[in-house]
């Protein structure tokens, strides 16, 4: 019986371009290495999947899957001030070792594009945070 193939992991970022501490995570710092399974190819597939979200339930499902498979916590909340555009939402990935700074930008950007395409999802997020007062 042949050994199972190793799971591909994310390539290192160029020196000085990222503060993800990928090497420290790989060298046994005891952290959760699942985040490294998000290769550039897999990230592109995730971005495409996020952009195809069509309902609030689907968005919640994606959030749960990102956490379950990669250990990444995705937070989406209305901003402190008024939410006039999709930029009024606070969309962030909770920082942790191994999370590339580029990924911390591309996933929230994909979610904003999704919200622009489907404003009803944005309204549901606002309702969930009681900003529309049950309108």
N, C-alpha and C. Protein backbone atom coordinates (compact mmCIF):
# COMPACT_ATOMS: atom_id res chain seq x y z
N UNK A 1 0.85 -1.17 0.00
CA UNK A 1 0.00 0.00 0.00
C UNK A 1 0.90 1.24 0.00
N UNK A 2 0.63 2.18 -0.90
CA UNK A 2 1.45 3.37 -1.00
C UNK A 2 1.00 4.41 0.03
N UNK A 3 1.94 5.23 0.49
CA UNK A 3 1.57 6.27 1.45
C UNK A 3 0.66 7.30 0.80
N UNK A 4 -0.23 7.87 1.60
CA UNK A 4 -1.15 8.87 1.06
C UNK A 4 -0.38 10.15 0.75
N UNK A 5 -0.79 10.85 -0.30
CA UNK A 5 -0.07 12.07 -0.66
C UNK A 5 -0.27 13.15 0.40
N UNK A 6 0.75 13.95 0.58
CA UNK A 6 0.68 15.04 1.55
C UNK A 6 -0.28 16.11 1.05
N UNK A 7 -0.93 16.75 1.99
CA UNK A 7 -1.84 17.85 1.64
C UNK A 7 -0.98 19.03 1.23
N UNK A 8 -1.25 19.63 0.07
CA UNK A 8 -0.46 20.79 -0.34
C UNK A 8 -0.71 21.97 0.60
N UNK A 9 0.34 22.72 0.87
CA UNK A 9 0.20 23.89 1.73
C UNK A 9 0.61 25.15 0.97
N UNK A 10 0.22 26.27 1.50
CA UNK A 10 0.48 27.56 0.87
C UNK A 10 1.98 27.81 0.75
N UNK A 11 2.35 28.33 -0.40
CA UNK A 11 3.75 28.70 -0.64
C UNK A 11 4.10 29.90 0.24
N UNK A 12 5.37 30.03 0.61
CA UNK A 12 5.74 31.19 1.45
C UNK A 12 5.62 32.50 0.67
N UNK A 13 5.30 33.54 1.41
CA UNK A 13 5.21 34.87 0.81
C UNK A 13 6.63 35.39 0.56
N UNK A 14 6.80 36.32 -0.35
CA UNK A 14 8.14 36.90 -0.55
C UNK A 14 8.64 37.52 0.75
N UNK A 15 9.93 37.44 0.96
CA UNK A 15 10.53 37.95 2.20
C UNK A 15 10.15 39.42 2.43
N UNK A 16 9.67 39.70 3.60
CA UNK A 16 9.31 41.07 3.96
C UNK A 16 7.96 41.54 3.47
N UNK A 17 7.27 40.74 2.65
CA UNK A 17 5.99 41.15 2.09
C UNK A 17 4.81 40.82 2.99
N UNK A 18 5.01 39.93 3.95
CA UNK A 18 3.89 39.46 4.76
C UNK A 18 4.36 39.20 6.19
N UNK A 19 3.45 39.31 7.11
CA UNK A 19 3.76 39.05 8.52
C UNK A 19 3.00 37.83 9.03
N UNK A 20 2.75 36.88 8.17
CA UNK A 20 1.92 35.73 8.52
C UNK A 20 2.61 34.72 9.43
N UNK A 21 3.91 34.74 9.53
CA UNK A 21 4.68 33.81 10.36
C UNK A 21 4.42 32.36 9.96
N UNK A 22 4.36 32.12 8.66
CA UNK A 22 4.14 30.78 8.12
C UNK A 22 5.23 29.82 8.59
N UNK A 23 6.48 30.26 8.52
CA UNK A 23 7.59 29.39 8.88
C UNK A 23 7.57 29.04 10.36
N UNK A 24 7.23 29.99 11.21
CA UNK A 24 7.14 29.71 12.64
C UNK A 24 6.05 28.69 12.93
N UNK A 25 4.95 28.78 12.20
CA UNK A 25 3.85 27.84 12.37
C UNK A 25 4.28 26.43 11.94
N UNK A 26 5.02 26.36 10.85
CA UNK A 26 5.48 25.07 10.35
C UNK A 26 6.56 24.45 11.23
N UNK A 27 7.33 25.28 11.90
CA UNK A 27 8.43 24.79 12.72
C UNK A 27 7.98 24.33 14.11
N UNK A 28 6.69 24.14 14.28
CA UNK A 28 6.21 23.52 15.51
C UNK A 28 5.90 24.46 16.64
N UNK A 29 5.35 25.61 16.35
CA UNK A 29 4.98 26.52 17.43
C UNK A 29 3.73 26.05 18.15
N UNK A 30 3.18 24.92 17.71
CA UNK A 30 1.99 24.37 18.37
C UNK A 30 0.69 24.96 17.89
N UNK A 31 0.73 25.78 16.85
CA UNK A 31 -0.49 26.40 16.34
C UNK A 31 -1.25 25.49 15.38
N UNK A 32 -2.41 25.94 15.00
CA UNK A 32 -3.28 25.20 14.08
C UNK A 32 -2.78 25.43 12.66
N UNK A 33 -2.31 24.38 12.00
CA UNK A 33 -1.73 24.51 10.67
C UNK A 33 -2.76 24.37 9.55
N UNK A 34 -4.04 24.16 9.89
CA UNK A 34 -5.06 24.02 8.84
C UNK A 34 -5.11 25.24 7.94
N UNK A 35 -4.77 26.39 8.46
CA UNK A 35 -4.83 27.62 7.68
C UNK A 35 -3.90 27.56 6.47
N UNK A 36 -2.84 26.78 6.57
CA UNK A 36 -1.89 26.66 5.47
C UNK A 36 -2.45 25.83 4.32
N UNK A 37 -3.55 25.14 4.52
CA UNK A 37 -4.19 24.38 3.45
C UNK A 37 -4.80 25.31 2.41
N UNK A 38 -4.95 26.59 2.76
CA UNK A 38 -5.52 27.55 1.81
C UNK A 38 -4.42 28.00 0.85
N UNK A 39 -4.18 27.18 -0.16
CA UNK A 39 -3.18 27.52 -1.17
C UNK A 39 -3.73 28.65 -2.04
N UNK A 40 -2.91 29.21 -2.88
CA UNK A 40 -3.37 30.28 -3.76
C UNK A 40 -4.48 29.79 -4.69
N UNK A 41 -4.34 28.55 -5.16
CA UNK A 41 -5.37 27.98 -6.02
C UNK A 41 -6.69 27.81 -5.25
N UNK A 42 -6.59 27.29 -4.03
CA UNK A 42 -7.80 27.11 -3.22
C UNK A 42 -8.40 28.46 -2.83
N UNK A 43 -7.56 29.45 -2.62
CA UNK A 43 -8.06 30.79 -2.29
C UNK A 43 -8.87 31.36 -3.45
N UNK A 44 -8.39 31.14 -4.68
CA UNK A 44 -9.14 31.61 -5.85
C UNK A 44 -10.50 30.92 -5.94
N UNK A 45 -10.54 29.63 -5.63
CA UNK A 45 -11.82 28.90 -5.64
C UNK A 45 -12.74 29.44 -4.54
N UNK A 46 -12.17 29.74 -3.37
CA UNK A 46 -12.97 30.29 -2.27
C UNK A 46 -13.52 31.66 -2.64
N UNK A 47 -12.71 32.50 -3.26
CA UNK A 47 -13.17 33.83 -3.68
C UNK A 47 -14.32 33.70 -4.67
N UNK A 48 -14.18 32.80 -5.63
CA UNK A 48 -15.26 32.58 -6.61
C UNK A 48 -16.52 32.11 -5.91
N UNK A 49 -16.36 31.22 -4.92
CA UNK A 49 -17.52 30.71 -4.18
C UNK A 49 -18.18 31.83 -3.37
N UNK A 50 -17.38 32.68 -2.75
CA UNK A 50 -17.93 33.80 -1.98
C UNK A 50 -18.69 34.74 -2.89
N UNK A 51 -18.13 35.04 -4.05
CA UNK A 51 -18.80 35.95 -4.98
C UNK A 51 -20.09 35.37 -5.53
N UNK A 52 -20.27 34.05 -5.45
CA UNK A 52 -21.50 33.43 -5.95
C UNK A 52 -22.57 33.26 -4.87
N UNK A 53 -22.30 33.73 -3.68
CA UNK A 53 -23.28 33.65 -2.59
C UNK A 53 -24.52 34.42 -2.99
N UNK A 54 -25.70 33.82 -2.74
CA UNK A 54 -26.94 34.48 -3.16
C UNK A 54 -27.93 34.68 -2.02
N UNK A 55 -27.59 34.25 -0.80
CA UNK A 55 -28.51 34.45 0.32
C UNK A 55 -27.72 34.57 1.63
N UNK A 56 -28.39 35.10 2.63
CA UNK A 56 -27.77 35.25 3.94
C UNK A 56 -27.44 33.87 4.52
N UNK A 57 -28.31 32.91 4.33
CA UNK A 57 -28.07 31.55 4.83
C UNK A 57 -26.81 30.97 4.18
N UNK A 58 -26.62 31.23 2.91
CA UNK A 58 -25.43 30.76 2.20
C UNK A 58 -24.18 31.43 2.77
N UNK A 59 -24.27 32.71 3.08
CA UNK A 59 -23.15 33.44 3.68
C UNK A 59 -22.78 32.83 5.03
N UNK A 60 -23.79 32.54 5.85
CA UNK A 60 -23.52 31.91 7.15
C UNK A 60 -22.89 30.53 6.98
N UNK A 61 -23.35 29.79 5.97
CA UNK A 61 -22.78 28.47 5.69
C UNK A 61 -21.30 28.59 5.32
N UNK A 62 -20.97 29.56 4.48
CA UNK A 62 -19.57 29.77 4.08
C UNK A 62 -18.73 30.15 5.30
N UNK A 63 -19.26 31.02 6.16
CA UNK A 63 -18.54 31.39 7.38
C UNK A 63 -18.23 30.15 8.22
N UNK A 64 -19.22 29.30 8.39
CA UNK A 64 -19.04 28.08 9.18
C UNK A 64 -18.02 27.15 8.54
N UNK A 65 -18.07 26.99 7.22
CA UNK A 65 -17.13 26.11 6.52
C UNK A 65 -15.70 26.65 6.59
N UNK A 66 -15.53 27.96 6.47
CA UNK A 66 -14.20 28.55 6.57
C UNK A 66 -13.62 28.27 7.95
N UNK A 67 -14.46 28.39 8.96
CA UNK A 67 -13.96 28.11 10.32
C UNK A 67 -13.68 26.62 10.50
N UNK A 68 -14.59 25.77 10.07
CA UNK A 68 -14.43 24.33 10.27
C UNK A 68 -13.23 23.76 9.52
N UNK A 69 -13.01 24.23 8.29
CA UNK A 69 -11.94 23.65 7.48
C UNK A 69 -10.59 24.32 7.67
N UNK A 70 -10.61 25.63 7.93
CA UNK A 70 -9.35 26.36 7.99
C UNK A 70 -9.05 26.98 9.35
N UNK A 71 -10.06 27.03 10.22
CA UNK A 71 -9.87 27.64 11.53
C UNK A 71 -9.85 29.16 11.47
N UNK A 72 -10.37 29.73 10.40
CA UNK A 72 -10.38 31.18 10.23
C UNK A 72 -11.74 31.72 10.67
N UNK A 73 -11.72 32.72 11.55
CA UNK A 73 -12.95 33.35 12.01
C UNK A 73 -13.20 34.58 11.14
N UNK A 74 -14.36 34.59 10.49
CA UNK A 74 -14.77 35.70 9.63
C UNK A 74 -15.85 36.48 10.34
N UNK A 75 -15.61 37.77 10.56
CA UNK A 75 -16.58 38.63 11.23
C UNK A 75 -17.13 39.65 10.25
N UNK A 76 -18.46 39.76 10.23
CA UNK A 76 -19.13 40.75 9.38
C UNK A 76 -20.12 41.49 10.26
N UNK A 77 -19.86 42.77 10.49
CA UNK A 77 -20.73 43.59 11.33
C UNK A 77 -20.90 44.97 10.69
N UNK A 78 -22.02 45.63 10.97
CA UNK A 78 -22.16 47.01 10.51
C UNK A 78 -21.15 47.90 11.21
N UNK A 79 -20.71 48.94 10.54
CA UNK A 79 -19.76 49.87 11.13
C UNK A 79 -20.40 50.67 12.25
N UNK A 80 -19.57 51.36 12.99
CA UNK A 80 -20.06 52.17 14.12
C UNK A 80 -20.95 53.31 13.61
N UNK A 81 -20.56 53.90 12.51
CA UNK A 81 -21.35 54.99 11.93
C UNK A 81 -22.41 54.41 11.00
N UNK A 82 -23.06 55.25 10.26
CA UNK A 82 -24.09 54.80 9.33
C UNK A 82 -23.52 53.88 8.27
N UNK A 83 -24.36 52.97 7.80
CA UNK A 83 -23.98 52.10 6.70
C UNK A 83 -24.70 52.63 5.46
N UNK A 84 -23.99 53.41 4.68
CA UNK A 84 -24.58 53.97 3.46
C UNK A 84 -24.19 53.17 2.23
N UNK A 85 -23.02 52.56 2.30
CA UNK A 85 -22.54 51.71 1.21
C UNK A 85 -21.98 50.43 1.83
N UNK A 86 -21.54 49.53 0.99
CA UNK A 86 -20.98 48.28 1.49
C UNK A 86 -19.68 48.51 2.25
N UNK A 87 -19.06 49.66 2.05
CA UNK A 87 -17.84 50.00 2.79
C UNK A 87 -18.15 50.30 4.25
N UNK A 88 -19.41 50.49 4.59
CA UNK A 88 -19.81 50.75 5.97
C UNK A 88 -19.80 49.51 6.84
N UNK A 89 -19.61 48.34 6.24
CA UNK A 89 -19.55 47.10 7.00
C UNK A 89 -18.11 46.83 7.44
N UNK A 90 -17.96 46.31 8.64
CA UNK A 90 -16.65 45.84 9.10
C UNK A 90 -16.57 44.36 8.75
N UNK A 91 -15.74 44.04 7.79
CA UNK A 91 -15.55 42.66 7.36
C UNK A 91 -14.08 42.34 7.57
N UNK A 92 -13.83 41.40 8.47
CA UNK A 92 -12.43 41.09 8.76
C UNK A 92 -12.26 39.63 9.13
N UNK A 93 -11.06 39.16 8.89
CA UNK A 93 -10.64 37.83 9.33
C UNK A 93 -9.82 38.04 10.60
N UNK A 94 -10.15 37.32 11.64
CA UNK A 94 -9.42 37.47 12.90
C UNK A 94 -7.99 37.00 12.66
N UNK A 95 -7.04 37.88 12.97
CA UNK A 95 -5.62 37.60 12.73
C UNK A 95 -5.15 36.41 13.55
N UNK A 96 -4.34 35.58 12.90
CA UNK A 96 -3.74 34.43 13.57
C UNK A 96 -2.51 33.99 12.78
N UNK A 97 -1.61 33.26 13.40
CA UNK A 97 -0.41 32.82 12.68
C UNK A 97 -0.77 32.01 11.44
N UNK A 98 -0.08 32.31 10.35
CA UNK A 98 -0.30 31.60 9.10
C UNK A 98 -1.28 32.27 8.17
N UNK A 99 -2.02 33.27 8.65
CA UNK A 99 -3.00 33.96 7.82
C UNK A 99 -2.30 35.07 7.05
N UNK A 100 -2.20 34.88 5.75
CA UNK A 100 -1.51 35.82 4.87
C UNK A 100 -2.23 37.17 4.85
N UNK A 101 -1.46 38.24 4.83
CA UNK A 101 -2.06 39.58 4.81
C UNK A 101 -2.85 39.81 3.52
N UNK A 102 -2.42 39.20 2.43
CA UNK A 102 -3.16 39.34 1.18
C UNK A 102 -4.53 38.67 1.30
N UNK A 103 -4.58 37.52 1.95
CA UNK A 103 -5.85 36.83 2.16
C UNK A 103 -6.76 37.67 3.04
N UNK A 104 -6.19 38.38 4.01
CA UNK A 104 -6.97 39.24 4.88
C UNK A 104 -7.61 40.40 4.11
N UNK A 105 -7.14 40.66 2.92
CA UNK A 105 -7.72 41.71 2.08
C UNK A 105 -8.64 41.14 1.02
N UNK A 106 -8.28 40.01 0.42
CA UNK A 106 -9.05 39.50 -0.71
C UNK A 106 -10.40 38.92 -0.30
N UNK A 107 -10.47 38.23 0.82
CA UNK A 107 -11.75 37.64 1.24
C UNK A 107 -12.76 38.73 1.60
N UNK A 108 -12.41 39.74 2.43
CA UNK A 108 -13.38 40.82 2.67
C UNK A 108 -13.79 41.56 1.40
N UNK A 109 -12.86 41.75 0.47
CA UNK A 109 -13.20 42.41 -0.79
C UNK A 109 -14.21 41.58 -1.58
N UNK A 110 -14.05 40.27 -1.58
CA UNK A 110 -15.00 39.40 -2.28
C UNK A 110 -16.38 39.46 -1.61
N UNK A 111 -16.40 39.53 -0.29
CA UNK A 111 -17.69 39.64 0.41
C UNK A 111 -18.36 40.97 0.09
N UNK A 112 -17.60 42.04 0.02
CA UNK A 112 -18.18 43.35 -0.35
C UNK A 112 -18.79 43.28 -1.76
N UNK A 113 -18.08 42.65 -2.68
CA UNK A 113 -18.63 42.51 -4.04
C UNK A 113 -19.92 41.70 -4.01
N UNK A 114 -19.96 40.67 -3.21
CA UNK A 114 -21.17 39.86 -3.06
C UNK A 114 -22.32 40.71 -2.51
N UNK A 115 -22.03 41.51 -1.48
CA UNK A 115 -23.07 42.35 -0.88
C UNK A 115 -23.57 43.42 -1.87
N UNK A 116 -22.68 43.92 -2.71
CA UNK A 116 -23.10 44.89 -3.72
C UNK A 116 -24.01 44.24 -4.74
N UNK A 117 -23.73 43.00 -5.07
CA UNK A 117 -24.55 42.26 -6.04
C UNK A 117 -25.90 41.87 -5.43
N UNK A 118 -25.90 41.54 -4.15
CA UNK A 118 -27.11 41.08 -3.45
C UNK A 118 -27.35 41.95 -2.21
N UNK A 119 -27.88 43.15 -2.39
CA UNK A 119 -28.08 44.05 -1.24
C UNK A 119 -29.03 43.47 -0.19
N UNK A 120 -29.87 42.52 -0.57
CA UNK A 120 -30.77 41.92 0.42
C UNK A 120 -29.99 41.20 1.52
N UNK A 121 -28.80 40.71 1.20
CA UNK A 121 -27.95 40.08 2.23
C UNK A 121 -27.48 41.15 3.20
N UNK A 122 -27.10 42.30 2.67
CA UNK A 122 -26.67 43.41 3.53
C UNK A 122 -27.80 43.85 4.45
N UNK A 123 -29.03 43.92 3.92
CA UNK A 123 -30.17 44.31 4.74
C UNK A 123 -30.41 43.29 5.85
N UNK A 124 -30.22 42.02 5.54
CA UNK A 124 -30.40 40.99 6.56
C UNK A 124 -29.34 41.12 7.65
N UNK A 125 -28.11 41.42 7.26
CA UNK A 125 -27.05 41.64 8.26
C UNK A 125 -27.42 42.82 9.14
N UNK A 126 -27.92 43.88 8.55
CA UNK A 126 -28.34 45.03 9.34
C UNK A 126 -29.48 44.65 10.28
N UNK A 127 -30.45 43.89 9.78
CA UNK A 127 -31.56 43.43 10.62
C UNK A 127 -31.07 42.56 11.76
N UNK A 128 -30.12 41.70 11.51
CA UNK A 128 -29.59 40.82 12.54
C UNK A 128 -28.92 41.62 13.66
N UNK A 129 -28.47 42.81 13.33
CA UNK A 129 -27.84 43.69 14.32
C UNK A 129 -28.79 44.78 14.78
N UNK A 130 -30.07 44.62 14.45
CA UNK A 130 -31.16 45.50 14.87
C UNK A 130 -30.96 46.96 14.47
N UNK A 131 -30.34 47.20 13.32
CA UNK A 131 -30.14 48.57 12.88
C UNK A 131 -31.31 49.10 12.06
N UNK A 132 -32.13 48.21 11.53
CA UNK A 132 -33.30 48.68 10.78
C UNK A 132 -34.54 48.67 11.66
N UNK A 133 -34.42 48.23 12.88
CA UNK A 133 -35.52 48.26 13.82
C UNK A 133 -36.72 47.43 13.38
N UNK A 134 -36.50 46.33 12.68
CA UNK A 134 -37.60 45.46 12.28
C UNK A 134 -38.39 45.95 11.10
N UNK A 135 -37.83 46.85 10.31
CA UNK A 135 -38.54 47.38 9.13
C UNK A 135 -38.66 46.30 8.09
